[in-house]
N, C-alpha and C. Protein backbone atom coordinates (compact mmCIF):
# COMPACT_ATOMS: atom_id res chain seq x y z
N MET A 1 -32.43 6.04 -18.08
CA MET A 1 -33.22 6.02 -16.64
C MET A 1 -34.50 5.70 -16.98
N ALA A 2 -35.26 4.44 -16.21
CA ALA A 2 -36.64 4.09 -15.93
C ALA A 2 -37.60 5.03 -15.83
N MET A 3 -38.46 5.35 -16.63
CA MET A 3 -39.49 6.58 -16.26
C MET A 3 -41.09 5.90 -15.98
N ARG A 4 -41.66 6.60 -15.07
CA ARG A 4 -42.90 6.32 -15.05
C ARG A 4 -43.83 6.88 -16.11
N ILE A 5 -44.54 6.12 -17.12
CA ILE A 5 -45.24 6.90 -18.17
C ILE A 5 -46.66 6.59 -18.10
N ALA A 6 -47.52 7.76 -18.22
CA ALA A 6 -48.85 7.83 -18.15
C ALA A 6 -49.38 7.75 -19.93
N ILE A 7 -50.31 6.84 -20.06
CA ILE A 7 -51.13 6.83 -21.40
C ILE A 7 -52.42 7.66 -21.13
N LEU A 8 -52.51 8.73 -21.81
CA LEU A 8 -53.75 9.76 -21.55
C LEU A 8 -54.93 9.12 -22.51
N GLY A 9 -55.97 9.15 -22.11
CA GLY A 9 -57.16 8.64 -22.83
C GLY A 9 -58.24 9.54 -22.73
N TRP A 10 -59.30 9.71 -23.77
CA TRP A 10 -60.59 10.14 -23.37
C TRP A 10 -61.81 9.77 -24.26
N GLY A 11 -61.43 8.66 -25.35
CA GLY A 11 -62.44 8.16 -26.21
C GLY A 11 -62.54 6.53 -25.97
N SER A 12 -62.28 6.11 -27.18
CA SER A 12 -62.58 4.59 -26.98
C SER A 12 -61.58 3.77 -26.53
N LEU A 13 -60.25 4.04 -26.23
CA LEU A 13 -59.37 3.81 -25.35
C LEU A 13 -59.62 3.43 -24.06
N ILE A 14 -60.68 4.12 -23.62
CA ILE A 14 -61.05 3.52 -22.23
C ILE A 14 -61.80 2.64 -22.15
N TRP A 15 -62.76 2.39 -23.14
CA TRP A 15 -63.47 0.95 -22.95
C TRP A 15 -62.86 0.00 -23.70
N ASP A 16 -61.94 0.16 -24.84
CA ASP A 16 -61.54 -0.92 -25.45
C ASP A 16 -59.87 -0.90 -25.70
N ILE A 17 -59.09 -1.02 -24.82
CA ILE A 17 -57.76 -0.85 -24.79
C ILE A 17 -57.05 -1.87 -25.65
N GLU A 18 -57.60 -2.70 -26.14
CA GLU A 18 -57.38 -3.71 -27.28
C GLU A 18 -55.88 -4.23 -27.19
N ILE A 19 -55.09 -4.08 -28.16
CA ILE A 19 -53.67 -4.65 -28.44
C ILE A 19 -52.80 -4.01 -27.50
N LEU A 20 -53.13 -2.84 -26.87
CA LEU A 20 -52.13 -2.32 -25.84
C LEU A 20 -52.37 -3.06 -24.37
N ALA A 21 -53.27 -3.83 -24.11
CA ALA A 21 -53.68 -4.33 -22.84
C ALA A 21 -52.38 -5.10 -22.31
N PRO A 22 -51.61 -5.86 -22.87
CA PRO A 22 -50.63 -6.26 -22.32
C PRO A 22 -49.11 -5.29 -21.93
N HIS A 23 -49.38 -4.07 -22.56
CA HIS A 23 -48.48 -2.89 -22.08
C HIS A 23 -48.95 -1.82 -21.15
N VAL A 24 -49.86 -2.37 -20.50
CA VAL A 24 -50.53 -1.53 -19.44
C VAL A 24 -50.53 -2.06 -18.03
N THR A 25 -50.77 -1.28 -16.89
CA THR A 25 -50.62 -1.96 -15.56
C THR A 25 -51.76 -1.13 -14.79
N GLY A 26 -52.66 -1.88 -13.87
CA GLY A 26 -53.57 -1.11 -13.06
C GLY A 26 -54.85 -0.79 -13.96
N ALA A 27 -55.57 0.10 -13.46
CA ALA A 27 -56.84 0.56 -13.84
C ALA A 27 -56.50 2.18 -14.50
N TRP A 28 -57.69 2.34 -15.01
CA TRP A 28 -57.65 3.87 -15.50
C TRP A 28 -58.03 4.63 -14.33
N HIS A 29 -57.21 5.86 -14.24
CA HIS A 29 -57.45 6.66 -13.42
C HIS A 29 -58.36 7.62 -13.77
N MET A 30 -59.65 7.56 -13.52
CA MET A 30 -60.70 8.51 -14.42
C MET A 30 -60.44 9.84 -13.83
N SER A 31 -60.65 10.74 -14.93
CA SER A 31 -60.32 12.21 -14.56
C SER A 31 -58.91 12.64 -13.88
N GLY A 32 -58.00 11.67 -14.02
CA GLY A 32 -56.78 11.89 -13.45
C GLY A 32 -55.51 12.61 -14.40
N GLY A 33 -56.01 12.80 -15.45
CA GLY A 33 -55.02 13.45 -16.49
C GLY A 33 -55.42 14.96 -16.46
N PRO A 34 -54.65 15.36 -17.35
CA PRO A 34 -54.79 17.18 -17.35
C PRO A 34 -55.98 17.36 -18.37
N ASP A 35 -56.72 18.52 -18.06
CA ASP A 35 -57.65 19.01 -18.89
C ASP A 35 -56.99 19.23 -20.30
N LEU A 36 -57.86 19.12 -21.43
CA LEU A 36 -57.14 19.23 -22.79
C LEU A 36 -58.67 19.66 -23.56
N PRO A 37 -58.33 20.31 -24.75
CA PRO A 37 -59.30 20.84 -25.40
C PRO A 37 -59.59 19.68 -26.36
N MET A 38 -61.07 19.19 -26.53
CA MET A 38 -61.43 18.24 -27.45
C MET A 38 -62.86 18.27 -27.94
N GLU A 39 -62.99 17.81 -29.16
CA GLU A 39 -64.25 17.67 -29.66
C GLU A 39 -64.61 16.60 -30.64
N PHE A 40 -65.57 16.25 -31.05
CA PHE A 40 -66.07 15.17 -31.77
C PHE A 40 -65.94 15.67 -33.31
N SER A 41 -64.86 16.06 -33.72
CA SER A 41 -64.88 16.93 -35.12
C SER A 41 -63.58 16.03 -35.87
N ARG A 42 -63.55 14.59 -35.87
CA ARG A 42 -62.78 13.91 -36.73
C ARG A 42 -63.84 12.58 -37.25
N VAL A 43 -63.82 12.67 -38.62
CA VAL A 43 -64.73 11.75 -39.45
C VAL A 43 -63.71 10.67 -39.35
N SER A 44 -64.04 9.42 -39.07
CA SER A 44 -63.16 8.22 -38.87
C SER A 44 -63.51 7.20 -39.78
N ALA A 45 -62.86 6.70 -40.65
CA ALA A 45 -63.36 5.67 -41.29
C ALA A 45 -63.46 4.42 -40.67
N LYS A 46 -62.49 4.43 -39.72
CA LYS A 46 -62.62 3.20 -38.66
C LYS A 46 -63.82 3.00 -37.80
N ARG A 47 -64.32 4.26 -37.67
CA ARG A 47 -65.61 4.23 -36.93
C ARG A 47 -66.86 4.29 -37.93
N LYS A 48 -66.66 3.73 -39.31
CA LYS A 48 -67.86 3.86 -40.26
C LYS A 48 -68.34 5.11 -40.54
N MET A 49 -67.25 6.09 -40.50
CA MET A 49 -67.54 7.55 -40.89
C MET A 49 -68.43 8.32 -39.85
N GLY A 50 -68.49 7.72 -38.70
CA GLY A 50 -69.15 8.50 -37.66
C GLY A 50 -67.87 9.55 -37.27
N LEU A 51 -68.26 10.26 -36.16
CA LEU A 51 -67.17 11.31 -35.55
C LEU A 51 -66.77 10.83 -34.46
N ALA A 52 -65.45 11.04 -34.44
CA ALA A 52 -64.56 10.37 -33.52
C ALA A 52 -64.04 11.62 -32.61
N VAL A 53 -63.87 11.55 -31.09
CA VAL A 53 -63.01 12.77 -30.50
C VAL A 53 -61.81 12.95 -30.58
N CYS A 54 -61.39 13.89 -30.64
CA CYS A 54 -59.83 14.28 -30.91
C CYS A 54 -59.52 15.76 -30.37
N LEU A 55 -58.34 16.06 -30.30
CA LEU A 55 -57.79 17.20 -29.53
C LEU A 55 -58.22 18.45 -30.54
N ASP A 56 -58.94 19.22 -30.07
CA ASP A 56 -59.26 20.47 -30.88
C ASP A 56 -59.74 21.83 -30.36
N PRO A 57 -58.39 22.62 -30.05
CA PRO A 57 -58.59 23.78 -29.31
C PRO A 57 -59.55 24.62 -30.06
N GLN A 58 -59.64 24.69 -31.46
CA GLN A 58 -60.48 25.81 -32.14
C GLN A 58 -61.94 25.62 -32.00
N ASP A 59 -62.50 24.40 -32.00
CA ASP A 59 -63.93 24.31 -31.87
C ASP A 59 -64.29 23.38 -30.57
N GLY A 60 -63.48 22.87 -29.79
CA GLY A 60 -63.84 22.14 -28.64
C GLY A 60 -64.00 22.79 -27.27
N ALA A 61 -63.82 22.07 -26.29
CA ALA A 61 -63.87 22.67 -24.86
C ALA A 61 -62.84 21.72 -24.11
N LEU A 62 -62.54 22.39 -22.88
CA LEU A 62 -61.59 21.57 -22.12
C LEU A 62 -62.28 20.38 -21.24
N CYS A 63 -61.61 19.32 -21.47
CA CYS A 63 -62.60 18.06 -20.77
C CYS A 63 -61.20 17.47 -19.99
N PRO A 64 -61.77 16.74 -18.96
CA PRO A 64 -60.69 16.05 -18.32
C PRO A 64 -60.44 14.78 -19.14
N THR A 65 -58.89 14.44 -19.02
CA THR A 65 -58.56 13.22 -19.71
C THR A 65 -58.41 12.11 -18.37
N HIS A 66 -57.91 10.94 -18.67
CA HIS A 66 -57.88 10.03 -17.82
C HIS A 66 -56.45 9.27 -17.98
N ALA A 67 -55.79 8.59 -17.13
CA ALA A 67 -54.51 8.12 -17.39
C ALA A 67 -54.57 6.62 -16.81
N ILE A 68 -53.65 6.08 -17.64
CA ILE A 68 -53.08 4.45 -17.09
C ILE A 68 -51.59 4.21 -17.24
N ARG A 69 -51.17 3.66 -16.53
CA ARG A 69 -49.66 3.50 -16.33
C ARG A 69 -49.12 2.45 -17.60
N SER A 70 -48.37 3.00 -18.37
CA SER A 70 -47.62 1.72 -19.42
C SER A 70 -46.72 1.09 -18.62
N THR A 71 -46.57 0.02 -18.93
CA THR A 71 -45.35 -1.29 -18.47
C THR A 71 -44.04 -0.65 -19.10
N ARG A 72 -43.93 0.25 -19.83
CA ARG A 72 -42.86 0.41 -20.72
C ARG A 72 -42.02 1.62 -19.58
N THR A 73 -40.75 1.79 -19.87
CA THR A 73 -39.82 2.72 -19.15
C THR A 73 -39.22 3.54 -19.89
N GLN A 74 -39.52 3.45 -21.31
CA GLN A 74 -39.05 4.58 -22.36
C GLN A 74 -40.21 5.10 -22.84
N VAL A 75 -40.05 6.35 -23.31
CA VAL A 75 -41.18 7.06 -24.23
C VAL A 75 -41.34 6.50 -25.55
N ALA A 76 -40.15 6.18 -26.06
CA ALA A 76 -40.34 5.78 -27.76
C ALA A 76 -41.09 4.40 -27.43
N GLN A 77 -40.86 3.60 -26.60
CA GLN A 77 -41.55 2.43 -26.47
C GLN A 77 -43.00 2.38 -26.40
N ALA A 78 -43.27 3.10 -25.45
CA ALA A 78 -44.62 3.50 -25.01
C ALA A 78 -45.25 3.93 -26.31
N ALA A 79 -44.96 5.00 -26.92
CA ALA A 79 -45.37 5.74 -28.26
C ALA A 79 -45.53 4.62 -29.14
N THR A 80 -44.75 3.87 -29.27
CA THR A 80 -44.73 2.81 -30.43
C THR A 80 -46.06 1.72 -30.08
N ASP A 81 -46.21 1.42 -28.91
CA ASP A 81 -47.61 0.71 -28.55
C ASP A 81 -48.88 1.34 -28.74
N LEU A 82 -48.81 2.62 -28.47
CA LEU A 82 -50.09 3.47 -28.65
C LEU A 82 -50.29 3.73 -30.15
N ALA A 83 -49.23 3.84 -31.03
CA ALA A 83 -49.33 4.08 -32.24
C ALA A 83 -50.02 2.87 -32.89
N ALA A 84 -49.54 1.58 -32.32
CA ALA A 84 -50.05 0.26 -32.80
C ALA A 84 -51.56 0.20 -32.62
N ARG A 85 -51.89 0.69 -31.33
CA ARG A 85 -53.29 0.56 -30.88
C ARG A 85 -54.22 1.46 -31.77
N GLU A 86 -53.80 2.57 -32.18
CA GLU A 86 -54.45 3.42 -32.73
C GLU A 86 -54.39 3.45 -34.22
N ARG A 87 -53.71 2.58 -34.92
CA ARG A 87 -53.37 2.41 -36.32
C ARG A 87 -52.94 3.86 -36.77
N ALA A 88 -52.06 4.48 -35.99
CA ALA A 88 -51.49 5.80 -36.43
C ALA A 88 -50.40 6.00 -36.59
N PRO A 89 -49.70 6.83 -37.75
CA PRO A 89 -48.41 7.21 -37.72
C PRO A 89 -47.78 7.53 -36.27
N LEU A 90 -46.49 7.28 -36.02
CA LEU A 90 -45.93 7.57 -35.06
C LEU A 90 -45.50 8.96 -34.49
N ASP A 91 -45.70 9.96 -35.80
CA ASP A 91 -45.74 11.20 -35.36
C ASP A 91 -46.88 11.83 -35.17
N ARG A 92 -48.01 10.99 -35.01
CA ARG A 92 -49.49 11.41 -34.54
C ARG A 92 -49.34 10.81 -32.85
N ILE A 93 -48.57 10.63 -32.36
CA ILE A 93 -48.53 10.13 -30.91
C ILE A 93 -47.68 11.36 -30.11
N GLY A 94 -48.43 12.10 -29.23
CA GLY A 94 -47.80 13.44 -28.69
C GLY A 94 -47.05 12.61 -27.52
N TRP A 95 -46.07 13.27 -26.99
CA TRP A 95 -45.55 12.96 -25.47
C TRP A 95 -44.97 14.09 -25.07
N ALA A 96 -44.77 14.12 -23.45
CA ALA A 96 -44.27 15.13 -22.88
C ALA A 96 -43.66 14.51 -21.46
N THR A 97 -42.44 15.40 -21.16
CA THR A 97 -41.89 15.03 -19.77
C THR A 97 -42.19 16.50 -19.21
N ALA A 98 -41.51 16.60 -17.99
CA ALA A 98 -41.61 18.09 -17.35
C ALA A 98 -40.83 19.07 -18.15
N THR A 99 -40.14 18.90 -18.70
CA THR A 99 -39.00 19.66 -19.37
C THR A 99 -39.11 19.81 -21.04
N ASP A 100 -39.80 18.96 -21.65
CA ASP A 100 -39.70 18.75 -23.01
C ASP A 100 -41.07 18.08 -23.70
N ALA A 101 -41.34 18.23 -24.87
CA ALA A 101 -42.70 17.79 -25.38
C ALA A 101 -42.66 17.69 -27.11
N PHE A 102 -43.42 16.88 -27.36
CA PHE A 102 -43.51 16.77 -28.94
C PHE A 102 -45.14 16.77 -29.28
N GLY A 103 -45.66 17.41 -29.92
CA GLY A 103 -47.06 17.22 -30.38
C GLY A 103 -47.59 18.55 -31.34
N ARG A 104 -48.59 18.48 -31.81
CA ARG A 104 -48.86 19.32 -32.81
C ARG A 104 -49.68 20.81 -32.17
N LEU A 105 -50.17 20.61 -31.04
CA LEU A 105 -50.58 21.80 -30.18
C LEU A 105 -49.83 22.09 -29.28
N PRO A 106 -49.08 23.26 -29.32
CA PRO A 106 -48.24 23.90 -28.03
C PRO A 106 -49.19 24.19 -26.90
N GLN A 107 -50.37 24.50 -26.83
CA GLN A 107 -51.02 24.64 -25.60
C GLN A 107 -51.23 23.33 -24.67
N VAL A 108 -51.47 22.23 -25.72
CA VAL A 108 -51.67 20.87 -25.23
C VAL A 108 -50.09 20.42 -24.67
N ASN A 109 -49.09 20.81 -25.26
CA ASN A 109 -47.87 20.18 -24.75
C ASN A 109 -47.71 20.72 -23.17
N ASP A 110 -47.91 22.10 -23.38
CA ASP A 110 -47.63 22.98 -22.27
C ASP A 110 -48.54 22.41 -20.93
N ARG A 111 -49.68 21.83 -21.11
CA ARG A 111 -50.62 21.51 -20.09
C ARG A 111 -50.33 20.24 -19.85
N VAL A 112 -49.47 19.37 -20.62
CA VAL A 112 -49.22 17.95 -20.25
C VAL A 112 -47.62 17.97 -19.58
N MET A 113 -47.08 18.89 -20.10
CA MET A 113 -45.59 19.29 -19.25
C MET A 113 -45.80 19.69 -17.75
N GLU A 114 -46.91 20.41 -17.64
CA GLU A 114 -47.07 20.95 -16.23
C GLU A 114 -47.64 20.01 -15.42
N TRP A 115 -48.52 18.91 -16.12
CA TRP A 115 -49.19 17.94 -15.34
C TRP A 115 -48.10 16.93 -14.95
N CYS A 116 -47.11 16.64 -15.96
CA CYS A 116 -45.88 15.80 -15.55
C CYS A 116 -44.91 16.49 -14.40
N ALA A 117 -44.93 17.60 -14.43
CA ALA A 117 -43.94 18.39 -13.45
C ALA A 117 -44.65 18.32 -12.18
N THR A 118 -45.98 18.29 -12.13
CA THR A 118 -46.54 18.14 -10.65
C THR A 118 -47.25 16.88 -10.05
N GLY A 119 -47.08 16.01 -11.07
CA GLY A 119 -47.94 14.62 -10.67
C GLY A 119 -47.01 13.50 -10.27
N ASP A 120 -47.37 12.31 -10.57
CA ASP A 120 -46.78 11.02 -10.13
C ASP A 120 -46.03 10.47 -11.38
N TYR A 121 -46.25 11.16 -12.49
CA TYR A 121 -45.72 10.57 -13.88
C TYR A 121 -44.46 11.44 -14.28
N ASP A 122 -43.48 10.71 -14.83
CA ASP A 122 -42.36 11.23 -15.25
C ASP A 122 -42.63 11.88 -16.91
N ALA A 123 -43.63 11.05 -17.51
CA ALA A 123 -43.78 11.45 -18.69
C ALA A 123 -45.27 10.97 -19.03
N ALA A 124 -45.92 11.62 -20.37
CA ALA A 124 -47.05 11.06 -20.66
C ALA A 124 -46.97 11.01 -22.26
N ILE A 125 -47.83 10.02 -22.81
CA ILE A 125 -48.14 10.08 -24.03
C ILE A 125 -49.66 10.23 -24.36
N TRP A 126 -49.92 10.32 -25.72
CA TRP A 126 -51.53 10.51 -26.19
C TRP A 126 -51.58 10.37 -27.52
N THR A 127 -52.73 10.54 -27.96
CA THR A 127 -53.26 10.04 -29.35
C THR A 127 -53.29 11.62 -30.01
N ASP A 128 -52.60 12.06 -30.93
CA ASP A 128 -52.51 13.44 -31.71
C ASP A 128 -53.30 13.64 -32.89
N LEU A 129 -54.39 12.67 -33.11
CA LEU A 129 -54.71 12.89 -34.61
C LEU A 129 -55.52 14.12 -34.51
N GLU A 130 -55.57 14.78 -35.68
CA GLU A 130 -56.10 16.09 -35.87
C GLU A 130 -57.50 16.11 -36.47
N PRO A 131 -58.46 17.08 -36.25
CA PRO A 131 -59.81 17.39 -36.57
C PRO A 131 -59.63 17.08 -38.17
N ASN A 132 -60.68 16.57 -38.88
CA ASN A 132 -60.78 16.66 -40.33
C ASN A 132 -62.14 16.88 -40.66
N PHE A 133 -63.00 17.19 -39.96
CA PHE A 133 -64.47 17.46 -40.22
C PHE A 133 -64.58 18.49 -41.50
N HIS A 134 -63.67 19.44 -41.63
CA HIS A 134 -63.46 20.36 -42.62
C HIS A 134 -63.18 20.04 -43.67
N GLU A 135 -62.58 18.99 -43.95
CA GLU A 135 -62.08 18.68 -45.31
C GLU A 135 -63.51 18.15 -46.21
N SER A 136 -62.86 18.42 -47.66
CA SER A 136 -63.96 18.30 -48.68
C SER A 136 -64.68 17.05 -48.57
N PRO A 137 -66.05 17.05 -48.81
CA PRO A 137 -66.98 18.11 -49.27
C PRO A 137 -67.41 18.97 -48.13
N ARG A 138 -67.34 18.61 -46.88
CA ARG A 138 -67.84 19.35 -45.85
C ARG A 138 -67.44 20.73 -45.48
N ASP A 139 -68.14 21.53 -44.76
CA ASP A 139 -67.91 22.74 -44.57
C ASP A 139 -67.08 22.95 -43.21
N PRO A 140 -66.63 23.96 -42.90
CA PRO A 140 -65.75 24.11 -41.48
C PRO A 140 -66.82 23.48 -40.43
N PHE A 141 -66.24 23.02 -39.21
CA PHE A 141 -66.80 22.63 -38.21
C PHE A 141 -67.84 23.37 -37.53
N THR A 142 -69.00 22.98 -37.23
CA THR A 142 -70.05 23.87 -36.42
C THR A 142 -70.72 22.69 -35.57
N VAL A 143 -71.37 22.82 -34.48
CA VAL A 143 -72.28 21.79 -33.97
C VAL A 143 -73.68 21.72 -34.88
N ALA A 144 -74.10 22.58 -35.34
CA ALA A 144 -75.24 22.38 -36.22
C ALA A 144 -74.71 21.73 -37.40
N GLY A 145 -73.67 22.03 -38.07
CA GLY A 145 -73.15 21.17 -39.14
C GLY A 145 -72.95 19.88 -38.74
N ALA A 146 -72.18 19.53 -37.68
CA ALA A 146 -72.10 18.24 -37.14
C ALA A 146 -73.46 17.25 -36.96
N ILE A 147 -74.24 17.86 -36.35
CA ILE A 147 -75.53 17.29 -36.41
C ILE A 147 -76.29 16.92 -37.55
N ALA A 148 -76.19 17.70 -38.53
CA ALA A 148 -76.44 17.61 -39.94
C ALA A 148 -75.85 16.37 -40.71
N TYR A 149 -74.59 16.37 -40.49
CA TYR A 149 -73.88 15.44 -41.09
C TYR A 149 -73.96 14.08 -40.34
N LEU A 150 -74.37 13.89 -38.88
CA LEU A 150 -74.65 12.64 -38.33
C LEU A 150 -76.26 12.31 -39.01
N LYS A 151 -76.82 13.10 -39.35
CA LYS A 151 -78.13 12.68 -39.98
C LYS A 151 -78.11 12.18 -41.23
N THR A 152 -77.00 12.30 -41.94
CA THR A 152 -77.03 11.66 -43.30
C THR A 152 -76.51 10.18 -43.02
N LEU A 153 -75.84 9.73 -41.99
CA LEU A 153 -75.43 8.30 -41.86
C LEU A 153 -76.64 7.50 -41.78
N GLN A 154 -76.37 6.18 -42.43
CA GLN A 154 -77.58 5.30 -42.24
C GLN A 154 -77.04 3.91 -41.53
N GLY A 155 -77.96 3.22 -41.26
CA GLY A 155 -77.87 1.86 -40.77
C GLY A 155 -76.69 1.60 -39.84
N ASP A 156 -75.59 0.66 -39.98
CA ASP A 156 -74.78 0.55 -38.78
C ASP A 156 -73.71 1.80 -38.95
N GLN A 157 -73.88 2.53 -39.82
CA GLN A 157 -72.95 3.82 -39.76
C GLN A 157 -73.65 4.69 -38.58
N ILE A 158 -74.63 5.10 -38.40
CA ILE A 158 -75.44 5.85 -37.38
C ILE A 158 -75.33 5.17 -36.03
N GLU A 159 -75.51 3.81 -36.11
CA GLU A 159 -75.61 2.96 -34.99
C GLU A 159 -74.18 2.93 -34.31
N GLU A 160 -73.11 3.15 -35.20
CA GLU A 160 -71.63 3.13 -34.56
C GLU A 160 -71.63 4.45 -34.09
N ALA A 161 -71.91 5.52 -34.86
CA ALA A 161 -71.60 6.80 -34.35
C ALA A 161 -72.41 7.20 -33.27
N HIS A 162 -73.67 6.56 -32.83
CA HIS A 162 -74.22 6.70 -31.72
C HIS A 162 -73.68 6.07 -30.54
N ARG A 163 -73.26 4.85 -30.76
CA ARG A 163 -72.44 4.02 -29.71
C ARG A 163 -71.35 4.73 -29.24
N TYR A 164 -70.40 5.01 -30.36
CA TYR A 164 -69.19 5.73 -29.88
C TYR A 164 -69.45 7.10 -28.94
N ILE A 165 -70.35 7.81 -29.44
CA ILE A 165 -70.38 9.26 -28.72
C ILE A 165 -71.04 8.76 -27.08
N GLN A 166 -72.07 7.78 -27.10
CA GLN A 166 -72.70 7.64 -25.83
C GLN A 166 -71.61 6.91 -25.09
N GLU A 167 -70.85 6.25 -25.49
CA GLU A 167 -70.01 5.40 -24.58
C GLU A 167 -68.55 6.07 -24.06
N ALA A 168 -68.20 7.33 -24.74
CA ALA A 168 -67.19 8.32 -24.29
C ALA A 168 -67.55 8.56 -22.82
N PRO A 169 -66.32 8.94 -22.18
CA PRO A 169 -66.82 9.05 -20.76
C PRO A 169 -67.70 10.26 -20.74
N ALA A 170 -68.48 10.27 -19.71
CA ALA A 170 -69.37 11.31 -19.14
C ALA A 170 -68.69 12.74 -18.99
N THR A 171 -67.48 12.74 -18.85
CA THR A 171 -66.60 13.98 -18.62
C THR A 171 -66.25 14.68 -19.83
N THR A 172 -66.32 13.63 -20.90
CA THR A 172 -65.87 14.42 -22.46
C THR A 172 -67.11 15.01 -22.83
N MET A 173 -67.30 16.06 -22.08
CA MET A 173 -68.87 16.93 -22.50
C MET A 173 -68.21 18.12 -23.43
N THR A 174 -68.33 17.65 -24.70
CA THR A 174 -67.91 18.84 -25.76
C THR A 174 -69.22 19.77 -26.15
N PRO A 175 -68.86 20.72 -26.93
CA PRO A 175 -70.18 21.33 -27.46
C PRO A 175 -71.03 20.63 -28.22
N LEU A 176 -70.47 19.57 -28.87
CA LEU A 176 -71.53 18.99 -29.81
C LEU A 176 -71.95 17.59 -28.83
N ARG A 177 -71.47 17.23 -27.90
CA ARG A 177 -72.15 16.36 -27.20
C ARG A 177 -73.27 16.83 -26.31
N ARG A 178 -73.00 18.06 -25.87
CA ARG A 178 -73.90 18.82 -25.10
C ARG A 178 -75.18 18.98 -25.83
N ALA A 179 -74.97 19.43 -27.08
CA ALA A 179 -76.29 19.93 -28.05
C ALA A 179 -76.72 18.40 -28.36
N LEU A 180 -76.08 17.33 -28.35
CA LEU A 180 -76.85 16.01 -28.90
C LEU A 180 -77.71 15.50 -27.65
N ALA A 181 -77.24 15.86 -26.53
CA ALA A 181 -77.91 15.29 -25.22
C ALA A 181 -79.23 15.90 -25.17
N ALA A 182 -79.35 17.23 -25.63
CA ALA A 182 -80.72 17.85 -25.73
C ALA A 182 -81.58 17.79 -27.08
N ASP A 183 -80.96 16.99 -28.04
CA ASP A 183 -81.62 16.61 -29.27
C ASP A 183 -82.49 15.48 -29.47
N PRO A 184 -83.78 15.70 -29.73
CA PRO A 184 -84.84 14.44 -29.63
C PRO A 184 -84.52 13.52 -30.75
N TRP A 185 -83.80 13.86 -31.70
CA TRP A 185 -83.64 12.84 -32.71
C TRP A 185 -82.53 11.94 -32.25
N TRP A 186 -81.39 12.54 -31.65
CA TRP A 186 -80.30 11.83 -31.19
C TRP A 186 -80.65 11.01 -29.91
N THR A 187 -81.52 11.38 -29.12
CA THR A 187 -81.80 10.67 -27.86
C THR A 187 -82.89 9.39 -28.22
N SER A 188 -83.60 9.54 -29.46
CA SER A 188 -84.26 8.46 -29.55
C SER A 188 -83.67 7.34 -30.55
N LEU A 189 -82.33 7.63 -30.68
CA LEU A 189 -81.54 6.20 -31.36
C LEU A 189 -81.31 5.44 -30.28
N LYS A 190 -81.01 4.17 -30.80
CA LYS A 190 -80.52 3.15 -30.04
C LYS A 190 -78.96 2.63 -30.26
N ALA A 191 -78.40 2.48 -29.12
CA ALA A 191 -76.80 2.15 -29.58
C ALA A 191 -76.60 1.17 -30.39
N GLY A 192 -75.66 1.04 -31.28
CA GLY A 192 -75.35 -0.35 -32.02
C GLY A 192 -74.54 -1.25 -31.01
N PRO A 193 -74.37 -2.31 -31.81
CA PRO A 193 -73.21 -3.53 -31.16
C PRO A 193 -71.86 -2.76 -31.07
N ALA A 194 -71.13 -3.26 -29.92
CA ALA A 194 -69.84 -2.86 -29.86
C ALA A 194 -68.85 -3.46 -30.86
N GLN A 195 -68.14 -2.18 -31.46
CA GLN A 195 -67.30 -2.54 -32.72
C GLN A 195 -65.74 -2.26 -32.16
N ARG A 196 -64.95 -3.13 -32.43
CA ARG A 196 -63.34 -3.09 -32.03
C ARG A 196 -62.63 -2.84 -33.32
N THR A 197 -62.64 -1.51 -33.34
CA THR A 197 -62.12 -1.17 -34.70
C THR A 197 -60.91 0.19 -34.55
N GLY A 198 -60.40 0.23 -33.42
CA GLY A 198 -59.56 1.47 -33.12
C GLY A 198 -60.10 2.94 -33.21
N PRO A 199 -59.46 3.86 -33.18
CA PRO A 199 -59.95 5.14 -32.83
C PRO A 199 -61.30 5.85 -33.63
């Protein structure tokens, strides 16, 4: 059966859909997806060791997601497209229909299933990369610890970290982003040039 499939986004996918472009149609429906828990708690080598936003119910806050329609009509095809854009393993692409789901976070799966059951799409897929801030040698994620970590970045690393967080949709208002918005050090930084490097 041909399915209407939504791709959910909340970070760089919004402004840099990149190699996924041939496989989507229409514009992003901003705040059109389900609210999901997220935080900038993933240290990303692709983002020059800056902090990337990911699904994080432990340290994050519920934020709106955004939806764009895949041109694919089968979940497996759409998931493969998104995995390629994210440079992620296929098992780190979550998916849900109104009756079934695959993903590492049951509460996220349930929210997306409910959204599929009551909305305009038969299925949805999303990037399901996990937080990794806590991995050695860093301590468990805290807002203060994340800011301290950002202050260790130099040159193009801090430029990219600043640009990425600042360019995320305004609705991605996590605890860390709220704190940074009030931090004089952070607000004094200038955004670096755009980088086309994935999540």
